Amino acid sequence: MDLNKVLAQLREELENLDTAILSLERLQFEGHRRRGRPPKALSNLSRAARAVKEEPGPEEPLPQG
């Protein structure tokens, strides 16, 4: 059993689960749309989504140069 391969698959599943949770949380807020500034919780969700996408995984090689 290749432990590195298992870890890579688990990290991929974690990313998929994070994306699914974020989508469901956004759907929850869509039913309560109001005029004006979005709630602080929604902006925190967006910030968390960007952080997950920008974060390089340990399996990805760093840019050379």
PDB file of N, CA and C in Angstrom:
ATOM      1  N   MET A   1       0.853  -1.179   0.000  1.00  0.00           N
ATOM      2  CA  MET A   1       0.000   0.000   0.000  1.00  0.00           C
ATOM      3  C   MET A   1       0.899   1.243   0.000  1.00  0.00           C
ATOM      4  N   ASP A   2       0.666   2.100  -0.960  1.00  0.00           N
ATOM      5  CA  ASP A   2       1.459   3.314  -1.091  1.00  0.00           C
ATOM      6  C   ASP A   2       0.817   4.413  -0.246  1.00  0.00           C
ATOM      7  N   LEU A   3       1.487   4.767   0.839  1.00  0.00           N
ATOM      8  CA  LEU A   3       0.946   5.737   1.782  1.00  0.00           C
ATOM      9  C   LEU A   3       0.817   7.124   1.158  1.00  0.00           C
ATOM     10  N   ASN A   4       1.751   7.500   0.315  1.00  0.00           N
ATOM     11  CA  ASN A   4       1.676   8.808  -0.348  1.00  0.00           C
ATOM     12  C   ASN A   4       0.446   8.911  -1.249  1.00  0.00           C
ATOM     13  N   LYS A   5       0.129   7.817  -1.921  1.00  0.00           N
ATOM     14  CA  LYS A   5      -1.034   7.802  -2.805  1.00  0.00           C
ATOM     15  C   LYS A   5      -2.326   7.929  -1.988  1.00  0.00           C
ATOM     16  N   VAL A   6      -2.383   7.244  -0.864  1.00  0.00           N
ATOM     17  CA  VAL A   6      -3.557   7.318   0.000  1.00  0.00           C
ATOM     18  C   VAL A   6      -3.722   8.734   0.537  1.00  0.00           C
ATOM     19  N   LEU A   7      -2.631   9.343   0.973  1.00  0.00           N
ATOM     20  CA  LEU A   7      -2.696  10.718   1.478  1.00  0.00           C
ATOM     21  C   LEU A   7      -3.150  11.691   0.403  1.00  0.00           C
ATOM     22  N   ALA A   8      -2.682  11.514  -0.810  1.00  0.00           N
ATOM     23  CA  ALA A   8      -3.091  12.382  -1.915  1.00  0.00           C
ATOM     24  C   ALA A   8      -4.595  12.251  -2.178  1.00  0.00           C
ATOM     25  N   GLN A   9      -5.099  11.025  -2.141  1.00  0.00           N
ATOM     26  CA  GLN A   9      -6.526  10.802  -2.364  1.00  0.00           C
ATOM     27  C   GLN A   9      -7.359  11.417  -1.240  1.00  0.00           C
ATOM     28  N   LEU A  10      -6.880  11.298  -0.009  1.00  0.00           N
ATOM     29  CA  LEU A  10      -7.602  11.878   1.124  1.00  0.00           C
ATOM     30  C   LEU A  10      -7.615  13.405   1.045  1.00  0.00           C
ATOM     31  N   ARG A  11      -6.511  13.993   0.618  1.00  0.00           N
ATOM     32  CA  ARG A  11      -6.468  15.453   0.473  1.00  0.00           C
ATOM     33  C   ARG A  11      -7.440  15.914  -0.613  1.00  0.00           C
ATOM     34  N   GLU A  12      -7.524  15.140  -1.688  1.00  0.00           N
ATOM     35  CA  GLU A  12      -8.461  15.472  -2.768  1.00  0.00           C
ATOM     36  C   GLU A  12      -9.901  15.387  -2.269  1.00  0.00           C
ATOM     37  N   GLU A  13     -10.209  14.354  -1.495  1.00  0.00           N
ATOM     38  CA  GLU A  13     -11.549  14.212  -0.936  1.00  0.00           C
ATOM     39  C   GLU A  13     -11.865  15.353   0.024  1.00  0.00           C
ATOM     40  N   LEU A  14     -10.876  15.756   0.816  1.00  0.00           N
ATOM     41  CA  LEU A  14     -11.066  16.867   1.743  1.00  0.00           C
ATOM     42  C   LEU A  14     -11.404  18.148   0.987  1.00  0.00           C
ATOM     43  N   GLU A  15     -10.708  18.395  -0.113  1.00  0.00           N
ATOM     44  CA  GLU A  15     -10.986  19.577  -0.927  1.00  0.00           C
ATOM     45  C   GLU A  15     -12.396  19.510  -1.510  1.00  0.00           C
ATOM     46  N   ASN A  16     -12.794  18.315  -1.975  1.00  0.00           N
ATOM     47  CA  ASN A  16     -14.143  18.148  -2.523  1.00  0.00           C
ATOM     48  C   ASN A  16     -15.201  18.390  -1.450  1.00  0.00           C
ATOM     49  N   LEU A  17     -14.966  17.878  -0.248  1.00  0.00           N
ATOM     50  CA  LEU A  17     -15.913  18.073   0.841  1.00  0.00           C
ATOM     51  C   LEU A  17     -15.997  19.544   1.240  1.00  0.00           C
ATOM     52  N   ASP A  18     -14.861  20.224   1.291  1.00  0.00           N
ATOM     53  CA  ASP A  18     -14.861  21.651   1.620  1.00  0.00           C
ATOM     54  C   ASP A  18     -15.676  22.442   0.603  1.00  0.00           C
ATOM     55  N   THR A  19     -15.518  22.098  -0.662  1.00  0.00           N
ATOM     56  CA  THR A  19     -16.264  22.784  -1.716  1.00  0.00           C
ATOM     57  C   THR A  19     -17.760  22.520  -1.576  1.00  0.00           C
ATOM     58  N   ALA A  20     -18.124  21.283  -1.285  1.00  0.00           N
ATOM     59  CA  ALA A  20     -19.536  20.937  -1.135  1.00  0.00           C
ATOM     60  C   ALA A  20     -20.149  21.655   0.068  1.00  0.00           C
ATOM     61  N   ILE A  21     -19.433  21.692   1.181  1.00  0.00           N
ATOM     62  CA  ILE A  21     -19.930  22.369   2.376  1.00  0.00           C
ATOM     63  C   ILE A  21     -20.113  23.857   2.103  1.00  0.00           C
ATOM     64  N   LEU A  22     -19.147  24.456   1.447  1.00  0.00           N
ATOM     65  CA  LEU A  22     -19.227  25.877   1.122  1.00  0.00           C
ATOM     66  C   LEU A  22     -20.436  26.169   0.241  1.00  0.00           C
ATOM     67  N   SER A  23     -20.676  25.308  -0.744  1.00  0.00           N
ATOM     68  CA  SER A  23     -21.824  25.495  -1.639  1.00  0.00           C
ATOM     69  C   SER A  23     -23.138  25.410  -0.877  1.00  0.00           C
ATOM     70  N   LEU A  24     -23.233  24.441   0.030  1.00  0.00           N
ATOM     71  CA  LEU A  24     -24.461  24.299   0.813  1.00  0.00           C
ATOM     72  C   LEU A  24     -24.668  25.491   1.755  1.00  0.00           C
ATOM     73  N   GLU A  25     -23.591  25.986   2.336  1.00  0.00           N
ATOM     74  CA  GLU A  25     -23.719  27.153   3.213  1.00  0.00           C
ATOM     75  C   GLU A  25     -24.153  28.382   2.416  1.00  0.00           C
ATOM     76  N   ARG A  26     -23.658  28.525   1.213  1.00  0.00           N
ATOM     77  CA  ARG A  26     -24.078  29.653   0.375  1.00  0.00           C
ATOM     78  C   ARG A  26     -25.539  29.530  -0.012  1.00  0.00           C
ATOM     79  N   LEU A  27     -25.985  28.311  -0.313  1.00  0.00           N
ATOM     80  CA  LEU A  27     -27.400  28.103  -0.638  1.00  0.00           C
ATOM     81  C   LEU A  27     -28.285  28.478   0.543  1.00  0.00           C
ATOM     82  N   GLN A  28     -27.821  28.198   1.723  1.00  0.00           N
ATOM     83  CA  GLN A  28     -28.576  28.537   2.924  1.00  0.00           C
ATOM     84  C   GLN A  28     -28.775  30.053   3.016  1.00  0.00           C
ATOM     85  N   PHE A  29     -27.750  30.825   2.679  1.00  0.00           N
ATOM     86  CA  PHE A  29     -27.846  32.271   2.759  1.00  0.00           C
ATOM     87  C   PHE A  29     -28.635  32.866   1.595  1.00  0.00           C
ATOM     88  N   GLU A  30     -28.690  32.194   0.460  1.00  0.00           N
ATOM     89  CA  GLU A  30     -29.392  32.739  -0.704  1.00  0.00           C
ATOM     90  C   GLU A  30     -30.880  32.904  -0.452  1.00  0.00           C
ATOM     91  N   GLY A  31     -31.465  32.061   0.375  1.00  0.00           N
ATOM     92  CA  GLY A  31     -32.884  32.165   0.675  1.00  0.00           C
ATOM     93  C   GLY A  31     -33.206  33.393   1.508  1.00  0.00           C
ATOM     94  N   HIS A  32     -32.188  34.004   2.102  1.00  0.00           N
ATOM     95  CA  HIS A  32     -32.391  35.146   2.985  1.00  0.00           C
ATOM     96  C   HIS A  32     -31.737  36.401   2.424  1.00  0.00           C
ATOM     97  N   ARG A  33     -31.805  36.569   1.139  1.00  0.00           N
ATOM     98  CA  ARG A  33     -31.167  37.740   0.519  1.00  0.00           C
ATOM     99  C   ARG A  33     -31.839  39.016   1.003  1.00  0.00           C
ATOM    100  N   ARG A  34     -30.997  39.980   1.304  1.00  0.00           N
ATOM    101  CA  ARG A  34     -31.494  41.282   1.722  1.00  0.00           C
ATOM    102  C   ARG A  34     -30.828  42.347   0.879  1.00  0.00           C
ATOM    103  N   ARG A  35     -31.367  43.513   0.947  1.00  0.00           N
ATOM    104  CA  ARG A  35     -30.727  44.645   0.283  1.00  0.00           C
ATOM    105  C   ARG A  35     -29.582  45.110   1.155  1.00  0.00           C
ATOM    106  N   GLY A  36     -28.558  45.643   0.516  1.00  0.00           N
ATOM    107  CA  GLY A  36     -27.458  46.215   1.283  1.00  0.00           C
ATOM    108  C   GLY A  36     -26.266  45.284   1.385  1.00  0.00           C
ATOM    109  N   ARG A  37     -25.485  45.543   2.370  1.00  0.00           N
ATOM    110  CA  ARG A  37     -24.225  44.832   2.583  1.00  0.00           C
ATOM    111  C   ARG A  37     -24.481  43.385   2.989  1.00  0.00           C
ATOM    112  N   PRO A  38     -23.704  42.436   2.445  1.00  0.00           N
ATOM    113  CA  PRO A  38     -23.912  41.031   2.809  1.00  0.00           C
ATOM    114  C   PRO A  38     -23.500  40.785   4.264  1.00  0.00           C
ATOM    115  N   PRO A  39     -24.067  39.780   4.891  1.00  0.00           N
ATOM    116  CA  PRO A  39     -23.707  39.477   6.267  1.00  0.00           C
ATOM    117  C   PRO A  39     -22.233  39.103   6.389  1.00  0.00           C
ATOM    118  N   LYS A  40     -21.666  39.354   7.551  1.00  0.00           N
ATOM    119  CA  LYS A  40     -20.250  39.084   7.786  1.00  0.00           C
ATOM    120  C   LYS A  40     -19.930  37.600   7.572  1.00  0.00           C
ATOM    121  N   ALA A  41     -20.828  36.714   7.954  1.00  0.00           N
ATOM    122  CA  ALA A  41     -20.583  35.279   7.800  1.00  0.00           C
ATOM    123  C   ALA A  41     -20.384  34.911   6.334  1.00  0.00           C
ATOM    124  N   LEU A  42     -21.151  35.528   5.438  1.00  0.00           N
ATOM    125  CA  LEU A  42     -21.032  35.232   4.019  1.00  0.00           C
ATOM    126  C   LEU A  42     -19.690  35.701   3.474  1.00  0.00           C
ATOM    127  N   SER A  43     -19.226  36.870   3.927  1.00  0.00           N
ATOM    128  CA  SER A  43     -17.923  37.342   3.459  1.00  0.00           C
ATOM    129  C   SER A  43     -16.809  36.453   3.990  1.00  0.00           C
ATOM    130  N   ASN A  44     -16.988  35.906   5.198  1.00  0.00           N
ATOM    131  CA  ASN A  44     -15.997  34.964   5.740  1.00  0.00           C
ATOM    132  C   ASN A  44     -15.962  33.684   4.914  1.00  0.00           C
ATOM    133  N   LEU A  45     -17.113  33.233   4.438  1.00  0.00           N
ATOM    134  CA  LEU A  45     -17.167  32.037   3.599  1.00  0.00           C
ATOM    135  C   LEU A  45     -16.414  32.265   2.298  1.00  0.00           C
ATOM    136  N   SER A  46     -16.612  33.423   1.692  1.00  0.00           N
ATOM    137  CA  SER A  46     -15.937  33.728   0.436  1.00  0.00           C
ATOM    138  C   SER A  46     -14.430  33.796   0.642  1.00  0.00           C
ATOM    139  N   ARG A  47     -14.014  34.407   1.745  1.00  0.00           N
ATOM    140  CA  ARG A  47     -12.591  34.510   2.056  1.00  0.00           C
ATOM    141  C   ARG A  47     -11.993  33.117   2.269  1.00  0.00           C
ATOM    142  N   ALA A  48     -12.736  32.231   2.940  1.00  0.00           N
ATOM    143  CA  ALA A  48     -12.256  30.873   3.182  1.00  0.00           C
ATOM    144  C   ALA A  48     -12.144  30.098   1.874  1.00  0.00           C
ATOM    145  N   ALA A  49     -13.091  30.309   0.967  1.00  0.00           N
ATOM    146  CA  ALA A  49     -13.054  29.617  -0.328  1.00  0.00           C
ATOM    147  C   ALA A  49     -11.831  30.041  -1.130  1.00  0.00           C
ATOM    148  N   ARG A  50     -11.526  31.340  -1.108  1.00  0.00           N
ATOM    149  CA  ARG A  50     -10.343  31.809  -1.828  1.00  0.00           C
ATOM    150  C   ARG A  50      -9.072  31.246  -1.211  1.00  0.00           C
ATOM    151  N   ALA A  51      -9.024  31.143   0.101  1.00  0.00           N
ATOM    152  CA  ALA A  51      -7.834  30.632   0.775  1.00  0.00           C
ATOM    153  C   ALA A  51      -7.599  29.168   0.415  1.00  0.00           C
ATOM    154  N   VAL A  52      -8.681  28.395   0.311  1.00  0.00           N
ATOM    155  CA  VAL A  52      -8.548  26.975  -0.033  1.00  0.00           C
ATOM    156  C   VAL A  52      -8.036  26.832  -1.458  1.00  0.00           C
ATOM    157  N   LYS A  53      -8.524  27.653  -2.370  1.00  0.00           N
ATOM    158  CA  LYS A  53      -8.112  27.565  -3.772  1.00  0.00           C
ATOM    159  C   LYS A  53      -6.678  28.038  -3.966  1.00  0.00           C
ATOM    160  N   GLU A  54      -6.237  29.037  -3.200  1.00  0.00           N
ATOM    161  CA  GLU A  54      -4.905  29.603  -3.378  1.00  0.00           C
ATOM    162  C   GLU A  54      -3.824  28.794  -2.673  1.00  0.00           C
ATOM    163  N   GLU A  55      -4.201  27.974  -1.719  1.00  0.00           N
ATOM    164  CA  GLU A  55      -3.247  27.229  -0.918  1.00  0.00           C
ATOM    165  C   GLU A  55      -2.618  26.103  -1.742  1.00  0.00           C
ATOM    166  N   PRO A  56      -1.280  26.120  -1.940  1.00  0.00           N
ATOM    167  CA  PRO A  56      -0.654  25.036  -2.698  1.00  0.00           C
ATOM    168  C   PRO A  56      -0.593  23.770  -1.851  1.00  0.00           C
ATOM    169  N   GLY A  57      -0.910  22.671  -2.478  1.00  0.00           N
ATOM    170  CA  GLY A  57      -0.867  21.394  -1.785  1.00  0.00           C
ATOM    171  C   GLY A  57       0.561  20.896  -1.681  1.00  0.00           C
ATOM    172  N   PRO A  58       0.850  19.993  -0.750  1.00  0.00           N
ATOM    173  CA  PRO A  58       2.207  19.490  -0.587  1.00  0.00           C
ATOM    174  C   PRO A  58       2.659  18.625  -1.760  1.00  0.00           C
ATOM    175  N   GLU A  59       1.697  18.113  -2.530  1.00  0.00           N
ATOM    176  CA  GLU A  59       2.036  17.267  -3.669  1.00  0.00           C
ATOM    177  C   GLU A  59       2.400  18.087  -4.909  1.00  0.00           C
ATOM    178  N   GLU A  60       2.013  19.382  -4.911  1.00  0.00           N
ATOM    179  CA  GLU A  60       2.274  20.210  -6.074  1.00  0.00           C
ATOM    180  C   GLU A  60       3.698  20.771  -5.999  1.00  0.00           C
ATOM    181  N   PRO A  61       4.443  20.695  -7.087  1.00  0.00           N
ATOM    182  CA  PRO A  61       5.792  21.246  -7.057  1.00  0.00           C
ATOM    183  C   PRO A  61       5.745  22.776  -7.031  1.00  0.00           C
ATOM    184  N   LEU A  62       6.694  23.370  -6.327  1.00  0.00           N
ATOM    185  CA  LEU A  62       6.770  24.825  -6.267  1.00  0.00           C
ATOM    186  C   LEU A  62       7.383  25.338  -7.566  1.00  0.00           C
ATOM    187  N   PRO A  63       6.975  26.533  -8.014  1.00  0.00           N
ATOM    188  CA  PRO A  63       7.528  27.088  -9.265  1.00  0.00           C
ATOM    189  C   PRO A  63       9.029  27.300  -9.146  1.00  0.00           C
ATOM    190  N   GLN A  64       9.737  26.946 -10.184  1.00  0.00           N
ATOM    191  CA  GLN A  64      11.187  27.121 -10.226  1.00  0.00           C
ATOM    192  C   GLN A  64      11.514  28.462 -10.860  1.00  0.00           C
ATOM    193  N   GLY A  65      12.499  29.167 -10.274  1.00  0.00           N
ATOM    194  CA  GLY A  65      12.963  30.375 -10.932  1.00  0.00           C
ATOM    195  C   GLY A  65      12.666  31.616 -10.278  1.00  0.00           C
TER     196      GLY A  65
END
